Amino acid sequence: MKDIINLTEEEIKELSFKQQLELLERINDYFQNEREDIDIEDALHIYKKALEILTYARKKLVTLKEEKIRIDEQYEKIKSQFTDM
């Protein structure tokens, strides 16, 4: 978990959406499997980092969705040009 705690904001931003989700899964597993041995201060740091990762993952997802919409619009425009011929 120390590797996740030590991630900088820039490093999190640079991760792919898939990598961000994998980190969140690791954090979830950590909390699910190590309940009795969790240091409360480490848990708080990990929880904060999870929220930061979630924030950037959401932003990335919104950006990808917007890009898909633009691509779909371009496709429909090109498609309509061919059907109008």
N, C-alpha and C. Protein backbone atom coordinates (compact mmCIF):
# COMPACT_ATOMS: atom_id res chain seq x y z
N MET A 1 0.80 -1.20 0.00
CA MET A 1 0.00 0.00 0.00
C MET A 1 0.85 1.27 0.00
N LYS A 2 2.07 1.16 0.47
CA LYS A 2 2.93 2.35 0.51
C LYS A 2 3.12 2.92 -0.90
N ASP A 3 3.19 2.04 -1.90
CA ASP A 3 3.35 2.54 -3.27
C ASP A 3 2.16 3.38 -3.70
N ILE A 4 0.98 3.01 -3.25
CA ILE A 4 -0.22 3.78 -3.59
C ILE A 4 -0.24 5.09 -2.80
N ILE A 5 0.07 5.01 -1.52
CA ILE A 5 0.09 6.21 -0.68
C ILE A 5 1.07 7.24 -1.23
N ASN A 6 2.19 6.78 -1.79
CA ASN A 6 3.23 7.68 -2.27
C ASN A 6 3.00 8.22 -3.68
N LEU A 7 1.92 7.80 -4.34
CA LEU A 7 1.64 8.32 -5.68
C LEU A 7 1.36 9.81 -5.61
N THR A 8 1.95 10.53 -6.54
CA THR A 8 1.68 11.97 -6.62
C THR A 8 0.44 12.21 -7.46
N GLU A 9 -0.07 13.40 -7.37
CA GLU A 9 -1.24 13.79 -8.16
C GLU A 9 -0.95 13.62 -9.65
N GLU A 10 0.23 14.04 -10.08
CA GLU A 10 0.61 13.91 -11.49
C GLU A 10 0.68 12.46 -11.92
N GLU A 11 1.23 11.61 -11.08
CA GLU A 11 1.31 10.18 -11.41
C GLU A 11 -0.07 9.57 -11.55
N ILE A 12 -0.98 9.96 -10.68
CA ILE A 12 -2.35 9.45 -10.76
C ILE A 12 -3.01 9.93 -12.06
N LYS A 13 -2.81 11.19 -12.41
CA LYS A 13 -3.40 11.73 -13.64
C LYS A 13 -2.91 10.98 -14.87
N GLU A 14 -1.63 10.59 -14.86
CA GLU A 14 -1.01 9.94 -16.01
C GLU A 14 -1.42 8.48 -16.19
N LEU A 15 -1.98 7.89 -15.16
CA LEU A 15 -2.39 6.49 -15.25
C LEU A 15 -3.58 6.35 -16.20
N SER A 16 -3.65 5.21 -16.84
CA SER A 16 -4.83 4.93 -17.67
C SER A 16 -6.03 4.69 -16.75
N PHE A 17 -7.20 4.74 -17.32
CA PHE A 17 -8.41 4.49 -16.56
C PHE A 17 -8.36 3.08 -15.96
N LYS A 18 -7.89 2.13 -16.75
CA LYS A 18 -7.78 0.75 -16.28
C LYS A 18 -6.82 0.65 -15.09
N GLN A 19 -5.69 1.33 -15.17
CA GLN A 19 -4.73 1.31 -14.07
C GLN A 19 -5.32 1.94 -12.80
N GLN A 20 -6.07 3.01 -12.98
CA GLN A 20 -6.71 3.65 -11.83
C GLN A 20 -7.70 2.68 -11.17
N LEU A 21 -8.47 1.97 -11.98
CA LEU A 21 -9.42 1.01 -11.43
C LEU A 21 -8.70 -0.13 -10.71
N GLU A 22 -7.57 -0.56 -11.26
CA GLU A 22 -6.81 -1.62 -10.61
C GLU A 22 -6.31 -1.18 -9.23
N LEU A 23 -5.88 0.07 -9.12
CA LEU A 23 -5.46 0.59 -7.82
C LEU A 23 -6.63 0.61 -6.84
N LEU A 24 -7.78 1.04 -7.33
CA LEU A 24 -8.96 1.07 -6.46
C LEU A 24 -9.36 -0.34 -6.01
N GLU A 25 -9.19 -1.32 -6.89
CA GLU A 25 -9.48 -2.70 -6.51
C GLU A 25 -8.50 -3.18 -5.43
N ARG A 26 -7.23 -2.80 -5.58
CA ARG A 26 -6.23 -3.17 -4.56
C ARG A 26 -6.58 -2.56 -3.21
N ILE A 27 -7.00 -1.30 -3.24
CA ILE A 27 -7.38 -0.63 -1.99
C ILE A 27 -8.59 -1.32 -1.38
N ASN A 28 -9.57 -1.64 -2.20
CA ASN A 28 -10.75 -2.33 -1.70
C ASN A 28 -10.37 -3.68 -1.08
N ASP A 29 -9.54 -4.42 -1.78
CA ASP A 29 -9.08 -5.71 -1.24
C ASP A 29 -8.36 -5.53 0.09
N TYR A 30 -7.56 -4.50 0.17
CA TYR A 30 -6.83 -4.22 1.41
C TYR A 30 -7.78 -4.04 2.58
N PHE A 31 -8.80 -3.23 2.37
CA PHE A 31 -9.76 -2.99 3.45
C PHE A 31 -10.62 -4.22 3.74
N GLN A 32 -10.91 -5.00 2.72
CA GLN A 32 -11.75 -6.19 2.92
C GLN A 32 -10.99 -7.32 3.63
N ASN A 33 -9.69 -7.45 3.34
CA ASN A 33 -8.95 -8.61 3.83
C ASN A 33 -8.10 -8.36 5.06
N GLU A 34 -7.86 -7.13 5.42
CA GLU A 34 -6.94 -6.87 6.52
C GLU A 34 -7.58 -6.01 7.60
N ARG A 35 -8.79 -6.23 7.89
CA ARG A 35 -9.53 -5.41 8.84
C ARG A 35 -8.87 -5.35 10.22
N GLU A 36 -8.42 -6.47 10.73
CA GLU A 36 -7.90 -6.51 12.09
C GLU A 36 -6.51 -5.89 12.21
N ASP A 37 -5.73 -5.95 11.15
CA ASP A 37 -4.34 -5.50 11.21
C ASP A 37 -4.13 -4.08 10.68
N ILE A 38 -5.19 -3.39 10.36
CA ILE A 38 -5.05 -2.08 9.73
C ILE A 38 -4.67 -1.03 10.77
N ASP A 39 -3.61 -0.31 10.45
CA ASP A 39 -3.23 0.85 11.25
C ASP A 39 -4.16 2.00 10.86
N ILE A 40 -4.76 2.64 11.83
CA ILE A 40 -5.78 3.65 11.55
C ILE A 40 -5.23 4.83 10.75
N GLU A 41 -3.99 5.22 11.01
CA GLU A 41 -3.39 6.34 10.26
C GLU A 41 -3.12 5.94 8.82
N ASP A 42 -2.61 4.72 8.62
CA ASP A 42 -2.40 4.23 7.25
C ASP A 42 -3.74 4.13 6.52
N ALA A 43 -4.75 3.63 7.22
CA ALA A 43 -6.07 3.49 6.61
C ALA A 43 -6.61 4.83 6.15
N LEU A 44 -6.40 5.86 6.95
CA LEU A 44 -6.87 7.19 6.58
C LEU A 44 -6.13 7.70 5.34
N HIS A 45 -4.82 7.49 5.29
CA HIS A 45 -4.03 7.92 4.12
C HIS A 45 -4.48 7.16 2.86
N ILE A 46 -4.72 5.89 3.02
CA ILE A 46 -5.15 5.08 1.88
C ILE A 46 -6.55 5.51 1.42
N TYR A 47 -7.42 5.79 2.35
CA TYR A 47 -8.77 6.24 2.03
C TYR A 47 -8.73 7.57 1.27
N LYS A 48 -7.90 8.50 1.73
CA LYS A 48 -7.75 9.79 1.04
C LYS A 48 -7.23 9.58 -0.38
N LYS A 49 -6.25 8.68 -0.51
CA LYS A 49 -5.68 8.42 -1.83
C LYS A 49 -6.74 7.78 -2.74
N ALA A 50 -7.57 6.92 -2.19
CA ALA A 50 -8.64 6.30 -2.98
C ALA A 50 -9.59 7.37 -3.52
N LEU A 51 -9.92 8.35 -2.69
CA LEU A 51 -10.80 9.43 -3.14
C LEU A 51 -10.14 10.25 -4.25
N GLU A 52 -8.85 10.47 -4.12
CA GLU A 52 -8.12 11.20 -5.15
C GLU A 52 -8.10 10.41 -6.46
N ILE A 53 -7.86 9.12 -6.37
CA ILE A 53 -7.85 8.27 -7.57
C ILE A 53 -9.25 8.25 -8.19
N LEU A 54 -10.28 8.12 -7.36
CA LEU A 54 -11.66 8.13 -7.87
C LEU A 54 -11.98 9.43 -8.61
N THR A 55 -11.52 10.54 -8.07
CA THR A 55 -11.76 11.84 -8.70
C THR A 55 -11.16 11.88 -10.10
N TYR A 56 -9.91 11.44 -10.23
CA TYR A 56 -9.26 11.47 -11.54
C TYR A 56 -9.82 10.41 -12.48
N ALA A 57 -10.22 9.27 -11.94
CA ALA A 57 -10.83 8.24 -12.78
C ALA A 57 -12.15 8.75 -13.36
N ARG A 58 -12.93 9.44 -12.54
CA ARG A 58 -14.19 10.00 -13.01
C ARG A 58 -13.96 11.04 -14.10
N LYS A 59 -12.98 11.92 -13.88
CA LYS A 59 -12.66 12.93 -14.89
C LYS A 59 -12.25 12.27 -16.20
N LYS A 60 -11.43 11.22 -16.09
CA LYS A 60 -10.98 10.52 -17.29
C LYS A 60 -12.15 9.86 -18.00
N LEU A 61 -13.06 9.29 -17.24
CA LEU A 61 -14.23 8.64 -17.82
C LEU A 61 -15.11 9.66 -18.55
N VAL A 62 -15.32 10.81 -17.95
CA VAL A 62 -16.11 11.87 -18.58
C VAL A 62 -15.44 12.32 -19.89
N THR A 63 -14.14 12.49 -19.85
CA THR A 63 -13.39 12.89 -21.05
C THR A 63 -13.51 11.85 -22.15
N LEU A 64 -13.38 10.58 -21.79
CA LEU A 64 -13.50 9.51 -22.77
C LEU A 64 -14.91 9.45 -23.35
N LYS A 65 -15.91 9.67 -22.51
CA LYS A 65 -17.30 9.66 -22.98
C LYS A 65 -17.53 10.81 -23.97
N GLU A 66 -17.00 11.99 -23.65
CA GLU A 66 -17.15 13.14 -24.55
C GLU A 66 -16.45 12.88 -25.88
N GLU A 67 -15.29 12.25 -25.82
CA GLU A 67 -14.56 11.93 -27.05
C GLU A 67 -15.35 10.94 -27.90
N LYS A 68 -15.95 9.95 -27.26
CA LYS A 68 -16.76 8.99 -28.00
C LYS A 68 -17.95 9.68 -28.68
N ILE A 69 -18.57 10.60 -27.98
CA ILE A 69 -19.69 11.34 -28.57
C ILE A 69 -19.24 12.10 -29.81
N ARG A 70 -18.07 12.76 -29.71
CA ARG A 70 -17.54 13.49 -30.88
C ARG A 70 -17.26 12.55 -32.04
N ILE A 71 -16.69 11.40 -31.75
CA ILE A 71 -16.39 10.43 -32.81
C ILE A 71 -17.69 9.93 -33.43
N ASP A 72 -18.69 9.63 -32.60
CA ASP A 72 -19.99 9.19 -33.12
C ASP A 72 -20.61 10.25 -34.02
N GLU A 73 -20.50 11.51 -33.63
CA GLU A 73 -21.04 12.60 -34.45
C GLU A 73 -20.33 12.67 -35.80
N GLN A 74 -19.02 12.54 -35.79
CA GLN A 74 -18.25 12.56 -37.04
C GLN A 74 -18.64 11.38 -37.92
N TYR A 75 -18.79 10.23 -37.31
CA TYR A 75 -19.19 9.04 -38.06
C TYR A 75 -20.55 9.23 -38.71
N GLU A 76 -21.50 9.74 -37.95
CA GLU A 76 -22.85 9.97 -38.49
C GLU A 76 -22.82 10.98 -39.63
N LYS A 77 -21.99 11.99 -39.51
CA LYS A 77 -21.88 12.99 -40.57
C LYS A 77 -21.33 12.36 -41.84
N ILE A 78 -20.29 11.58 -41.72
CA ILE A 78 -19.70 10.91 -42.88
C ILE A 78 -20.68 9.90 -43.46
N LYS A 79 -21.34 9.16 -42.61
CA LYS A 79 -22.31 8.16 -43.05
C LYS A 79 -23.45 8.81 -43.83
N SER A 80 -23.92 9.95 -43.34
CA SER A 80 -25.02 10.63 -44.03
C SER A 80 -24.58 11.15 -45.40
N GLN A 81 -23.33 11.52 -45.53
CA GLN A 81 -22.82 11.98 -46.83
C GLN A 81 -22.87 10.85 -47.85
N PHE A 82 -22.59 9.63 -47.40
CA PHE A 82 -22.62 8.49 -48.33
C PHE A 82 -24.04 8.06 -48.67
N THR A 83 -24.95 8.20 -47.73
CA THR A 83 -26.32 7.80 -48.00
C THR A 83 -27.04 8.84 -48.87
N ASP A 84 -26.54 10.08 -48.88
CA ASP A 84 -27.14 11.12 -49.69
C ASP A 84 -26.70 11.04 -51.15
N MET A 85 -25.77 10.22 -51.45
CA MET A 85 -25.24 10.13 -52.84
C MET A 85 -26.18 9.39 -53.75
